[in-house]
Amino acid sequence: MLVDLDYFFAQAEEIRNPAIRGKPVVVCVYSGRSEDSGAVSTSNYVARGYGVKSGMPIIQAKRKLENVEAVFLPVDHVYYDRVSEKVMDVLRSYADRFEQVGVDEAFAEATQRTDGDFEKARGLAQVMKDKLKAQLSLSCSIGVGPNKLVSKVAADEQKPDGLTVIKPDQVEQFLFPLPIRRLIGVGVKTEERMHNMGINTIGDLAKLDVQRLIDVFGRKLGTYFHNASRGLDDDPVEESGEAESFSRIATLKQDSHDLGLILEKTDQLCEEIHNTLVQQKLSFKAVGIVAFMKDLTVYSRSKTLQNQTDDVEIMKQTVEELFAKLLSEVQFDVRRVGVKVSGFAKEQRGQKKLTSFLEPAEGGQP
């Protein structure tokens, strides 16, 4: 299964403030140069109905929504990460193996608990959707298929709040009519190149000889396209078992540009995060900060350390360094602050094992 949270950033904002449900909600990355400078990160489906899209300039999105009561909000990655952690905890409990691939996406292997029965898998997927809705007020779209590739394409078939099940004998019937852009790995440039070759659908691609694809795209990519167009994928669901990051956020007692006042709060956040790391016997290698300014702009900074560490003082020193630099560059007062650590390694039998983690997506959620 591929579980994809619907319009996640905007939906998370609707959870935080239910009064904005039903209104166009646009989550933005503000550049800070002016009140409306920056771009749309994502929006809810009400806003999309007016033509608002990810990556669109904020000023253009406001023009499209000038005659309706719309809500424009700055991105709040620390909050979204915290919501995501709760979601993943729920989903993980329904999986034989679980692989988080982004802040709003995860693969769940459920072959054992469904006895390989796709109708049982459909029922399990519905239970997962119902649980997220009941516990967290979140909707998601789930694709169920015989492998990761098919399940991911299926998850995009009915959005939002969709559930699409593709059984093994339905794979070609499902994939072949789809536009070639729907195939995982086909971007704008590759799509244009394929169109020039007369390839408009996944079925068109499947008809081509593998050697032809290798000649054009190289052995690795050509072979991938040959297999993927037929719905073949042997990539396993890789269990990570741990969070990608830990983060905390807090509001200052008063808006401030004073480093000392900010560090009083961030030191507390570092202690909270460190307690969690100690409990899970984790070290970290990356430290990040987020600052929510008085004018609603949001700034983030991060630093990757040379070595793994579990030292809370190094965490605090890095946070101080990042905030000092940020405050020298930005003149607005800070309203809320966040701290985040990632790049974990865990003690196992006396050796540290470095685990790979993905950075959360910053926009363009489907």
Protein backbone atom coordinates (compact mmCIF):
# COMPACT_ATOMS: atom_id res chain seq x y z
CA MET A 1 0.00 0.00 0.00
CA LEU A 2 1.02 3.60 -0.58
CA VAL A 3 -0.65 5.99 1.87
CA ASP A 4 -0.64 9.61 0.69
CA LEU A 5 -2.01 12.34 2.96
CA ASP A 6 -4.28 14.69 1.00
CA TYR A 7 -3.07 18.31 0.57
CA PHE A 8 -1.17 17.74 3.79
CA PHE A 9 0.12 21.18 4.79
CA ALA A 10 -3.25 22.85 4.16
CA GLN A 11 -5.15 19.99 5.79
CA ALA A 12 -2.94 20.23 8.87
CA GLU A 13 -3.82 23.93 9.08
CA GLU A 14 -7.53 23.04 8.89
CA ILE A 15 -7.02 20.71 11.86
CA ARG A 16 -5.30 23.46 13.84
CA ASN A 17 -8.09 25.92 13.03
CA PRO A 18 -11.34 24.13 12.06
CA ALA A 19 -12.98 27.50 11.38
CA ILE A 20 -11.14 27.74 8.05
CA ARG A 21 -12.55 24.47 6.69
CA GLY A 22 -14.61 25.08 3.58
CA LYS A 23 -12.64 28.22 2.71
CA PRO A 24 -9.80 28.39 0.19
CA VAL A 25 -6.65 27.70 2.24
CA VAL A 26 -3.26 28.50 0.72
CA VAL A 27 0.01 27.64 2.48
CA CYS A 28 2.85 29.82 1.26
CA VAL A 29 6.62 30.13 1.36
CA TYR A 30 7.15 33.88 1.94
CA SER A 31 10.44 35.31 0.70
CA GLY A 32 10.32 38.28 3.09
CA ARG A 33 11.02 40.87 0.41
CA SER A 34 7.44 42.18 0.56
CA GLU A 35 4.09 41.20 2.04
CA ASP A 36 3.10 39.12 -0.99
CA SER A 37 6.47 37.96 -2.30
CA GLY A 38 7.02 34.22 -2.43
CA ALA A 39 5.27 31.15 -3.80
CA VAL A 40 2.42 28.77 -3.00
CA SER A 41 3.58 25.60 -1.26
CA THR A 42 0.23 23.83 -1.39
CA SER A 43 -3.48 24.57 -1.13
CA ASN A 44 -6.68 22.78 -0.29
CA TYR A 45 -9.06 21.60 -2.98
CA VAL A 46 -11.36 24.60 -2.52
CA ALA A 47 -8.50 26.90 -3.54
CA ARG A 48 -7.51 24.58 -6.37
CA GLY A 49 -11.01 24.96 -7.73
CA TYR A 50 -10.13 28.63 -8.36
CA GLY A 51 -6.96 27.68 -10.22
CA VAL A 52 -4.44 27.99 -7.38
CA LYS A 53 -1.48 25.65 -7.90
CA SER A 54 1.74 24.74 -6.11
CA GLY A 55 4.64 26.96 -7.15
CA MET A 56 2.38 29.81 -8.23
CA PRO A 57 3.46 33.30 -7.07
CA ILE A 58 1.49 34.37 -4.00
CA ILE A 59 0.34 37.58 -5.67
CA GLN A 60 -1.12 35.57 -8.56
CA ALA A 61 -2.93 33.23 -6.15
CA LYS A 62 -4.42 36.25 -4.35
CA ARG A 63 -5.71 37.63 -7.63
CA LYS A 64 -7.48 34.35 -8.33
CA LEU A 65 -9.08 34.46 -4.89
CA GLU A 66 -9.72 38.20 -4.61
CA ASN A 67 -13.51 37.81 -4.66
CA VAL A 68 -13.72 35.10 -2.00
CA GLU A 69 -12.81 34.84 1.67
CA ALA A 70 -9.49 33.04 1.38
CA VAL A 71 -6.91 32.15 4.03
CA PHE A 72 -3.18 32.60 3.33
CA LEU A 73 -0.76 31.08 5.83
CA PRO A 74 3.03 30.66 6.10
CA VAL A 75 4.51 27.16 6.08
CA ASP A 76 5.04 25.69 9.55
CA HIS A 77 7.33 22.69 9.04
CA VAL A 78 7.82 21.99 12.73
CA TYR A 79 4.07 21.66 13.26
CA TYR A 80 3.64 19.55 10.11
CA ASP A 81 6.41 17.22 11.26
CA ARG A 82 4.67 16.72 14.58
CA VAL A 83 1.37 15.89 12.90
CA SER A 84 3.21 13.57 10.53
CA GLU A 85 4.79 11.68 13.43
CA LYS A 86 1.33 10.96 14.87
CA VAL A 87 0.09 9.79 11.48
CA MET A 88 3.02 7.42 10.97
CA ASP A 89 2.53 5.92 14.42
CA VAL A 90 -1.06 5.04 13.49
CA LEU A 91 -0.18 3.62 10.07
CA ARG A 92 2.78 1.60 11.32
CA SER A 93 0.50 -0.45 13.58
CA TYR A 94 -1.31 -1.88 10.52
CA ALA A 95 1.77 -2.96 8.56
CA ASP A 96 3.96 -6.05 8.40
CA ARG A 97 6.72 -3.71 7.23
CA PHE A 98 6.59 0.06 7.06
CA GLU A 99 8.61 2.63 5.10
CA GLN A 100 8.09 6.36 5.49
CA VAL A 101 9.18 8.13 2.31
CA GLY A 102 8.19 11.70 3.13
CA VAL A 103 6.36 13.86 5.61
CA ASP A 104 3.06 12.92 3.94
CA GLU A 105 3.75 9.51 2.34
CA ALA A 106 4.48 5.95 3.47
CA PHE A 107 4.54 2.43 2.08
CA ALA A 108 2.93 -0.37 4.10
CA GLU A 109 3.59 -4.03 3.33
CA ALA A 110 0.53 -6.02 4.48
CA THR A 111 0.83 -9.36 2.70
CA GLN A 112 0.99 -11.47 5.84
CA ARG A 113 -1.87 -9.88 7.74
CA THR A 114 -4.12 -10.07 4.67
CA ASP A 115 -2.98 -13.56 3.57
CA GLY A 116 -2.18 -12.03 0.18
CA ASP A 117 -5.92 -11.40 -0.38
CA PHE A 118 -6.52 -8.07 -2.15
CA GLU A 119 -10.09 -7.79 -0.89
CA LYS A 120 -8.83 -8.17 2.68
CA ALA A 121 -6.24 -5.52 1.81
CA ARG A 122 -9.04 -3.23 0.65
CA GLY A 123 -10.77 -3.68 3.99
CA LEU A 124 -7.54 -3.04 5.89
CA ALA A 125 -6.88 0.12 3.89
CA GLN A 126 -10.37 1.38 4.72
CA VAL A 127 -9.74 0.70 8.40
CA MET A 128 -6.54 2.75 8.19
CA LYS A 129 -8.38 5.62 6.51
CA ASP A 130 -11.15 5.51 9.12
CA LYS A 131 -8.64 5.47 11.98
CA LEU A 132 -6.79 8.55 10.67
CA LYS A 133 -10.09 10.36 10.21
CA ALA A 134 -11.35 9.45 13.71
CA GLN A 135 -8.12 10.09 15.64
CA LEU A 136 -6.52 12.95 13.72
CA SER A 137 -9.29 14.34 11.46
CA LEU A 138 -7.06 13.68 8.44
CA SER A 139 -8.02 12.23 5.08
CA CYS A 140 -5.66 10.27 2.87
CA SER A 141 -5.62 8.45 -0.44
CA ILE A 142 -4.40 4.85 -0.53
CA GLY A 143 -3.25 2.79 -3.47
CA VAL A 144 -3.12 -0.99 -3.07
CA GLY A 145 -1.14 -3.06 -5.56
CA PRO A 146 1.22 -6.01 -5.99
CA ASN A 147 4.29 -3.75 -5.63
CA LYS A 148 5.40 -0.25 -4.68
CA LEU A 149 5.27 1.20 -8.18
CA VAL A 150 1.69 0.12 -8.90
CA SER A 151 0.47 1.16 -5.46
CA LYS A 152 1.96 4.64 -5.85
CA VAL A 153 0.35 5.20 -9.24
CA ALA A 154 -2.93 3.83 -7.85
CA ALA A 155 -2.85 6.26 -4.90
CA ASP A 156 -3.04 9.18 -7.34
CA GLU A 157 -6.02 7.74 -9.18
CA GLN A 158 -8.78 8.99 -6.87
CA LYS A 159 -7.93 12.08 -4.86
CA PRO A 160 -8.77 13.33 -2.34
CA ASP A 161 -9.88 10.63 0.14
CA GLY A 162 -9.49 7.86 -2.44
CA LEU A 163 -8.96 4.11 -2.25
CA THR A 164 -7.84 2.27 -5.39
CA VAL A 165 -7.04 -1.45 -5.43
CA ILE A 166 -5.19 -2.96 -8.39
CA LYS A 167 -4.93 -6.77 -8.39
CA PRO A 168 -2.06 -8.48 -10.23
CA ASP A 169 -4.24 -9.46 -13.21
CA GLN A 170 -5.46 -5.84 -13.53
CA VAL A 171 -2.06 -4.12 -13.71
CA GLU A 172 -1.73 -3.76 -17.49
CA GLN A 173 -5.42 -2.85 -17.88
CA PHE A 174 -4.90 -0.10 -15.29
CA LEU A 175 -1.53 1.25 -16.41
CA PHE A 176 -1.59 1.12 -20.21
CA PRO A 177 -4.22 3.86 -20.85
CA LEU A 178 -2.61 6.34 -18.44
CA PRO A 179 -0.66 9.36 -19.76
CA ILE A 180 3.07 8.68 -19.76
CA ARG A 181 3.60 11.44 -17.16
CA ARG A 182 1.80 9.27 -14.59
CA LEU A 183 4.64 6.75 -14.64
CA ILE A 184 6.98 7.20 -11.69
CA GLY A 185 10.26 8.69 -12.90
CA VAL A 186 8.88 10.55 -15.91
CA GLY A 187 9.36 14.29 -15.43
CA VAL A 188 8.71 17.24 -17.72
CA LYS A 189 11.82 16.80 -19.87
CA THR A 190 11.46 13.02 -20.16
CA GLU A 191 7.79 13.42 -21.01
CA GLU A 192 8.66 15.81 -23.83
CA ARG A 193 11.34 13.45 -25.10
CA MET A 194 8.93 10.52 -25.07
CA HIS A 195 6.24 12.52 -26.85
CA ASN A 196 8.77 13.23 -29.58
CA MET A 197 9.23 9.46 -29.87
CA GLY A 198 5.48 8.94 -30.25
CA ILE A 199 5.05 7.70 -26.67
CA ASN A 200 1.93 9.26 -25.16
CA THR A 201 0.67 6.55 -22.80
CA ILE A 202 2.27 3.97 -20.56
CA GLY A 203 0.95 1.36 -22.97
CA ASP A 204 2.86 3.02 -25.82
CA LEU A 205 6.04 2.73 -23.77
CA ALA A 206 5.39 -0.93 -22.98
CA LYS A 207 5.26 -1.74 -26.70
CA LEU A 208 8.81 -0.51 -27.35
CA ASP A 209 11.70 -2.95 -27.48
CA VAL A 210 13.94 -2.73 -24.41
CA GLN A 211 17.04 -2.23 -26.55
CA ARG A 212 15.46 0.84 -28.15
CA LEU A 213 14.87 2.31 -24.70
CA ILE A 214 18.44 1.50 -23.63
CA ASP A 215 19.79 3.20 -26.76
CA VAL A 216 17.85 6.37 -25.95
CA PHE A 217 17.92 6.53 -22.13
CA GLY A 218 20.92 4.39 -21.17
CA ARG A 219 20.96 0.90 -19.70
CA LYS A 220 19.79 1.68 -16.18
CA LEU A 221 16.95 4.06 -17.04
CA GLY A 222 15.97 2.24 -20.23
CA THR A 223 15.63 -1.05 -18.36
CA TYR A 224 13.64 0.67 -15.63
CA PHE A 225 11.17 2.17 -18.13
CA HIS A 226 10.80 -1.22 -19.84
CA ASN A 227 9.89 -2.94 -16.55
CA ALA A 228 7.91 -0.09 -15.00
CA SER A 229 5.64 0.31 -18.03
CA ARG A 230 4.59 -3.30 -17.46
CA GLY A 231 4.06 -2.76 -13.74
CA LEU A 232 7.13 -4.76 -12.73
CA ASP A 233 8.92 -3.67 -9.57
CA ASP A 234 10.86 -5.76 -7.04
CA ASP A 235 11.86 -2.91 -4.72
CA PRO A 236 11.05 -4.11 -1.17
CA VAL A 237 9.40 -2.09 1.57
CA GLU A 238 12.37 -1.20 3.77
CA GLU A 239 11.58 -0.95 7.44
CA SER A 240 13.22 2.08 9.05
CA GLY A 241 11.66 1.59 12.47
CA GLU A 242 12.60 5.09 13.62
CA ALA A 243 11.51 8.66 13.07
CA GLU A 244 13.21 10.77 10.41
CA SER A 245 13.57 13.70 12.78
CA PHE A 246 12.56 15.05 16.16
CA SER A 247 11.37 18.62 16.53
CA ARG A 248 9.79 20.96 19.04
CA ILE A 249 8.22 24.40 18.69
CA ALA A 250 7.24 27.08 21.19
CA THR A 251 5.89 30.62 21.28
CA LEU A 252 7.99 33.35 22.92
CA LYS A 253 6.51 35.30 25.84
CA GLN A 254 6.81 38.39 23.65
CA ASP A 255 7.89 39.10 20.08
CA SER A 256 11.62 39.70 20.22
CA HIS A 257 14.83 40.18 18.27
CA ASP A 258 16.93 39.51 21.36
CA LEU A 259 19.15 36.42 21.00
CA GLY A 260 19.32 35.82 24.75
CA LEU A 261 15.54 35.70 25.12
CA ILE A 262 15.23 33.37 22.15
CA LEU A 263 17.93 31.03 23.49
CA GLU A 264 16.12 30.73 26.83
CA LYS A 265 13.26 29.10 24.94
CA THR A 266 15.33 27.08 22.47
CA ASP A 267 17.46 25.64 25.29
CA GLN A 268 14.26 24.22 26.77
CA LEU A 269 13.33 22.74 23.38
CA CYS A 270 16.80 21.19 23.06
CA GLU A 271 16.43 19.56 26.48
CA GLU A 272 13.07 18.07 25.48
CA ILE A 273 14.47 16.70 22.22
CA HIS A 274 17.57 15.38 23.99
CA ASN A 275 15.42 13.45 26.48
CA THR A 276 13.71 11.70 23.57
CA LEU A 277 17.06 10.88 21.96
CA VAL A 278 18.39 9.43 25.23
CA GLN A 279 15.30 7.23 25.62
CA GLN A 280 15.76 5.84 22.10
CA LYS A 281 19.59 5.68 22.34
CA LEU A 282 20.04 7.87 19.28
CA SER A 283 22.73 10.30 18.23
CA PHE A 284 22.21 13.01 15.62
CA LYS A 285 24.22 14.72 12.89
CA ALA A 286 22.03 17.60 11.69
CA VAL A 287 20.47 20.50 13.59
CA GLY A 288 17.88 22.90 12.22
CA ILE A 289 15.95 25.93 13.42
CA VAL A 290 12.73 27.61 12.35
CA ALA A 291 11.75 31.19 13.16
CA PHE A 292 8.21 32.49 12.74
CA MET A 293 8.39 36.24 12.49
CA LYS A 294 6.03 38.99 13.63
CA ASP A 295 5.13 39.76 9.99
CA LEU A 296 4.17 36.06 9.44
CA THR A 297 7.23 35.22 7.34
CA VAL A 298 9.03 31.98 8.16
CA TYR A 299 12.79 31.37 8.05
CA SER A 300 14.68 28.14 8.51
CA ARG A 301 18.36 27.34 8.79
CA SER A 302 20.23 24.07 9.31
CA LYS A 303 23.73 22.72 9.79
CA THR A 304 25.21 19.26 9.31
CA LEU A 305 27.85 18.39 11.89
CA GLN A 306 31.14 16.67 11.07
CA ASN A 307 30.41 13.73 13.39
CA GLN A 308 27.50 11.98 15.06
CA THR A 309 26.87 13.21 18.61
CA ASP A 310 24.40 12.84 21.45
CA ASP A 311 25.67 15.94 23.29
CA VAL A 312 22.89 18.36 24.19
CA GLU A 313 25.42 21.19 24.59
CA ILE A 314 26.52 20.79 20.97
CA MET A 315 22.86 20.91 19.98
CA LYS A 316 22.36 24.15 21.94
CA GLN A 317 25.57 25.71 20.58
CA THR A 318 24.54 24.92 17.01
CA VAL A 319 21.09 26.40 17.58
CA GLU A 320 22.71 29.54 19.00
CA GLU A 321 25.02 29.81 15.99
CA LEU A 322 22.12 29.44 13.55
CA PHE A 323 19.88 31.96 15.32
CA ALA A 324 22.72 34.48 15.69
CA LYS A 325 23.33 34.35 11.96
CA LEU A 326 19.61 34.56 11.16
CA LEU A 327 19.03 37.57 13.41
CA SER A 328 21.93 39.38 11.73
CA GLU A 329 20.22 38.90 8.36
CA VAL A 330 16.56 39.54 9.30
CA GLN A 331 15.28 42.62 11.10
CA PHE A 332 11.76 41.50 12.06
CA ASP A 333 10.98 40.34 15.60
CA VAL A 334 10.56 36.60 16.21
CA ARG A 335 7.22 35.27 17.45
CA ARG A 336 7.75 31.48 17.58
CA VAL A 337 10.85 29.30 17.47
CA GLY A 338 11.49 25.68 16.56
CA VAL A 339 14.39 23.24 16.87
CA LYS A 340 14.83 20.06 14.86
CA VAL A 341 17.47 17.31 14.79
CA SER A 342 17.92 14.51 12.24
CA GLY A 343 20.50 12.22 10.67
CA PHE A 344 20.22 9.61 13.40
CA ALA A 345 22.46 6.68 14.31
CA LYS A 346 21.63 4.12 16.95
CA GLU A 347 23.82 2.12 19.31
CA GLN A 348 23.66 -1.58 18.39
CA ARG A 349 26.00 -4.16 19.98
CA GLY A 350 28.60 -1.53 20.68
CA GLN A 351 28.65 -0.16 17.14
CA LYS A 352 26.84 2.82 15.70
CA LYS A 353 24.73 2.07 12.67
CA LEU A 354 23.97 5.03 10.45
CA THR A 355 20.43 4.99 9.13
CA SER A 356 19.40 6.95 6.05
CA PHE A 357 16.57 9.43 6.32
CA LEU A 358 14.72 11.59 3.83
CA GLU A 359 14.12 15.28 4.27
CA PRO A 360 10.43 16.23 4.44
CA ALA A 361 8.93 17.66 1.29
CA GLU A 362 8.56 21.44 1.37
CA GLY A 363 5.73 21.86 -1.06
CA GLY A 364 3.84 20.65 -4.07
CA GLN A 365 1.87 18.05 -2.14
CA PRO A 366 -0.69 16.29 -4.33
